[in-house]
Each structure stands twice: as C-alpha cells, then as structure tokens.
Amino acid sequence: MMNRVVLVGRLTKDPELRYTPAGVAVATFTLAVNRNFTNQAGEREADFINCVVWRKPAENVANFLKKGSLAGVDGKVQTRNYEGQDGKRVYVTEILAESVQFLEPRSSGVTRDQATVSNYQSTPQQVANNGGATTYTPSGYPANANPFAADAKPIDIRDDDLPF
C-alpha cells in the first residue's frame, strides 16, 4: 500500500497554531493548489487542501509562513471523523504533513521574482540594481553579458575535462 502526497501551493490564511493538553504543537493551514488546466471561461481553478503538521515543524510553520506564502508539503492523506455540536458525525479529509518546505525567503524585502532567481544559486552575486530590485544570475555576470565576448581565442578543452 502507498499513501504519499506532494503539493506546492500558497497559504490561504495565516497558519493556526494550537497545543494539545500534553503540550504537543499542532498547526493547521489551507493550501491553494492550482490545477493544470483552465475552465471554459479560460480561468485557472484551484483546489483548497487542508493540511496538519505536528511538533517542531508546526511551530516553524506558524512562525515563518503567512497568508500567500509559497510552500511545499510532503505527507499523506488522512481521514477522520468526530461528532459535531449538533450530534451528527463529521468526516474530515486532510493532508498529514511530514515535512513542509518554505519555498520563498522570509519577508526580507525580496520580491517573488528575485527569490526564484536567487534560489537558483547557493551564493548569488549582486550584479545590478534596477529601481531597488537586485538581479542575480548563476554565473555572477549581468544579464545578456557574454563572458567570452572579449576573448576571440579558441577555448582549450582537454579530454580529461570532459565528463564523458
């Protein structure tokens, strides 16, 4: 049997952190995950998926994620039921998150586009400042810069340097 779920989406509201009577942290949040297709009106629909995470990861989620944060969730589908206040049985299906990845940097003034580019490289180098927005490239060169443009000589590559 296999029960594995991997989701990437945005939080629809701030996570709710609670503690059990035994002092164990539990956080709940809803993830909006876009569908891969559009409807007849040309609009992209989303699924709103309830997630639960326990212990230290729950505290981290509550401290570092907020409404609109991009997050990756790895876990499993879980169903449970309980008796509601009106005496009727309530059934709940949710994702029991085993790990939650924070896919954007903490609100450090970095825009979403910059986060995508700077995550491409572990130690990005600043190459330009356009109206307050810093742009990064993997090689550290400005965008559209050719590092070989000034050198018209052939490149010497030995057979030992090739990976195959």
Protein backbone atom coordinates (compact mmCIF):
# COMPACT_ATOMS: atom_id res chain seq x y z
CA MET A 1 0.00 0.00 0.00
CA MET A 2 1.14 3.53 -0.72
CA ASN A 3 -0.16 6.82 0.64
CA ARG A 4 2.05 9.73 -0.45
CA VAL A 5 1.14 13.31 -1.34
CA VAL A 6 3.38 16.09 -2.62
CA LEU A 7 1.82 19.54 -3.04
CA VAL A 8 3.05 23.02 -3.88
CA GLY A 9 0.75 25.95 -3.30
CA ARG A 10 0.08 29.16 -1.42
CA LEU A 11 -1.44 29.51 2.06
CA THR A 12 -4.95 30.97 2.00
CA LYS A 13 -4.58 32.45 5.51
CA ASP A 14 -2.09 32.50 8.37
CA PRO A 15 -1.50 29.08 9.96
CA GLU A 16 -3.32 28.34 13.23
CA LEU A 17 -1.04 27.00 15.98
CA ARG A 18 -2.52 25.16 18.96
CA TYR A 19 -1.18 22.89 21.67
CA THR A 20 -2.66 19.61 22.89
CA PRO A 21 -3.24 19.16 26.64
CA ALA A 22 0.06 17.23 26.66
CA GLY A 23 1.84 20.30 25.22
CA VAL A 24 2.37 19.00 21.67
CA ALA A 25 2.25 21.71 18.98
CA VAL A 26 -0.13 21.27 16.04
CA ALA A 27 -0.58 23.73 13.17
CA THR A 28 -3.33 23.72 10.58
CA PHE A 29 -3.39 25.62 7.31
CA THR A 30 -5.07 25.53 3.92
CA LEU A 31 -3.02 25.31 0.74
CA ALA A 32 -4.39 26.65 -2.57
CA VAL A 33 -3.01 24.44 -5.35
CA ASN A 34 -3.60 25.49 -8.96
CA ARG A 35 -4.99 22.94 -11.39
CA ASN A 36 -3.04 22.21 -14.58
CA PHE A 37 -5.85 23.29 -16.89
CA THR A 38 -8.28 26.18 -17.34
CA ASN A 39 -12.07 26.07 -17.26
CA GLN A 40 -14.36 27.01 -20.16
CA ALA A 41 -14.03 30.70 -19.27
CA GLY A 42 -10.24 30.43 -19.59
CA GLU A 43 -9.67 30.83 -15.84
CA ARG A 44 -7.35 28.61 -13.84
CA GLU A 45 -9.11 26.95 -10.92
CA ALA A 46 -7.53 25.86 -7.64
CA ASP A 47 -8.12 23.20 -5.03
CA PHE A 48 -8.09 24.24 -1.37
CA ILE A 49 -6.48 21.49 0.65
CA ASN A 50 -6.44 21.35 4.45
CA CYS A 51 -3.07 20.39 5.97
CA VAL A 52 -1.97 19.47 9.50
CA VAL A 53 1.59 19.41 10.83
CA TRP A 54 2.79 18.41 14.31
CA ARG A 55 5.55 19.22 16.83
CA LYS A 56 8.54 21.45 15.95
CA PRO A 57 7.64 21.70 12.23
CA ALA A 58 4.24 23.05 13.36
CA GLU A 59 5.92 25.81 15.33
CA ASN A 60 8.17 26.61 12.37
CA VAL A 61 5.18 26.80 10.03
CA ALA A 62 3.38 29.16 12.42
CA ASN A 63 6.47 31.35 12.85
CA PHE A 64 7.67 31.59 9.26
CA LEU A 65 4.67 31.17 6.94
CA LYS A 66 1.79 33.56 6.45
CA LYS A 67 -1.10 34.14 4.07
CA GLY A 68 0.19 33.99 0.49
CA SER A 69 3.44 32.15 1.32
CA LEU A 70 4.54 29.54 -1.21
CA ALA A 71 5.05 26.18 0.48
CA GLY A 72 5.74 22.59 -0.47
CA VAL A 73 4.08 19.84 1.56
CA ASP A 74 5.14 16.21 1.65
CA GLY A 75 2.86 13.86 3.57
CA LYS A 76 -0.09 11.52 3.39
CA VAL A 77 -3.87 11.69 3.09
CA GLN A 78 -5.72 11.08 6.32
CA THR A 79 -9.42 10.83 7.05
CA ARG A 80 -11.00 11.13 10.47
CA ASN A 81 -14.43 11.72 11.91
CA TYR A 82 -15.90 13.19 15.05
CA GLU A 83 -19.29 14.05 16.49
CA GLY A 84 -20.26 17.66 15.80
CA GLN A 85 -22.05 20.01 18.20
CA ASP A 86 -25.36 19.12 16.60
CA GLY A 87 -24.75 15.41 17.30
CA LYS A 88 -24.09 14.50 13.65
CA ARG A 89 -20.97 12.66 12.52
CA VAL A 90 -18.49 14.95 10.71
CA TYR A 91 -15.96 13.46 8.27
CA VAL A 92 -12.69 15.27 7.52
CA THR A 93 -10.09 14.53 4.86
CA GLU A 94 -6.78 16.34 5.24
CA ILE A 95 -3.08 16.06 4.50
CA LEU A 96 -0.90 14.97 7.40
CA ALA A 97 2.30 16.84 6.53
CA GLU A 98 5.50 15.03 7.33
CA SER A 99 7.60 17.92 6.02
CA VAL A 100 6.85 21.46 4.92
CA GLN A 101 9.30 23.31 2.69
CA PHE A 102 9.37 27.11 2.72
CA LEU A 103 9.75 27.95 -0.96
CA GLU A 104 10.23 31.70 -0.60
CA PRO A 105 12.64 33.61 1.59
CA ARG A 106 11.28 35.09 4.76
CA SER A 107 9.91 38.63 4.28
CA SER A 108 13.33 40.24 3.91
CA GLY A 109 12.21 42.74 1.29
CA VAL A 110 12.96 40.30 -1.54
CA THR A 111 10.32 40.05 -4.23
CA ARG A 112 8.93 36.75 -5.51
CA ASP A 113 10.83 37.10 -8.83
CA GLN A 114 14.11 37.71 -7.05
CA ALA A 115 13.57 34.70 -4.80
CA THR A 116 13.10 32.47 -7.84
CA VAL A 117 16.33 33.68 -9.43
CA SER A 118 18.43 33.76 -6.26
CA ASN A 119 17.34 30.25 -5.26
CA TYR A 120 18.97 29.07 -8.47
CA GLN A 121 22.39 29.63 -6.95
CA SER A 122 23.51 28.94 -3.38
CA THR A 123 25.67 32.07 -3.10
CA PRO A 124 24.27 34.63 -5.53
CA GLN A 125 26.33 37.63 -6.56
CA GLN A 126 24.75 41.05 -6.91
CA VAL A 127 25.06 42.27 -10.48
CA ALA A 128 22.57 45.10 -10.95
CA ASN A 129 20.23 47.35 -9.05
CA ASN A 130 17.20 48.35 -11.12
CA GLY A 131 14.91 50.64 -9.16
CA GLY A 132 15.71 48.92 -5.88
CA ALA A 133 15.33 45.40 -7.31
CA THR A 134 18.54 43.39 -7.19
CA THR A 135 19.05 40.95 -10.05
CA TYR A 136 21.13 37.78 -9.72
CA THR A 137 22.49 35.37 -12.29
CA PRO A 138 24.03 31.93 -11.68
CA SER A 139 27.42 32.96 -13.06
CA GLY A 140 27.53 36.40 -11.45
CA TYR A 141 27.52 38.16 -14.85
CA PRO A 142 24.93 40.80 -15.77
CA ALA A 143 22.01 39.55 -17.80
CA ASN A 144 22.79 39.41 -21.55
CA ALA A 145 26.55 39.50 -20.84
CA ASN A 146 28.71 37.06 -22.78
CA PRO A 147 31.76 36.11 -20.70
CA PHE A 148 33.62 35.05 -23.88
CA ALA A 149 32.87 38.18 -25.96
CA ALA A 150 36.18 39.98 -25.27
CA ASP A 151 38.27 36.89 -25.92
CA ALA A 152 38.38 35.85 -29.58
CA LYS A 153 40.82 32.98 -28.93
CA PRO A 154 39.68 29.34 -29.21
CA ILE A 155 38.87 27.62 -25.95
CA ASP A 156 41.32 24.86 -25.00
CA ILE A 157 39.40 21.88 -23.61
CA ARG A 158 41.35 18.74 -22.84
CA ASP A 159 39.82 15.27 -22.98
CA ASP A 160 40.30 14.95 -19.20
CA ASP A 161 37.94 17.93 -18.69
CA LEU A 162 35.01 16.28 -20.46
CA PRO A 163 32.52 14.40 -18.30
CA PHE A 164 32.10 11.57 -20.82
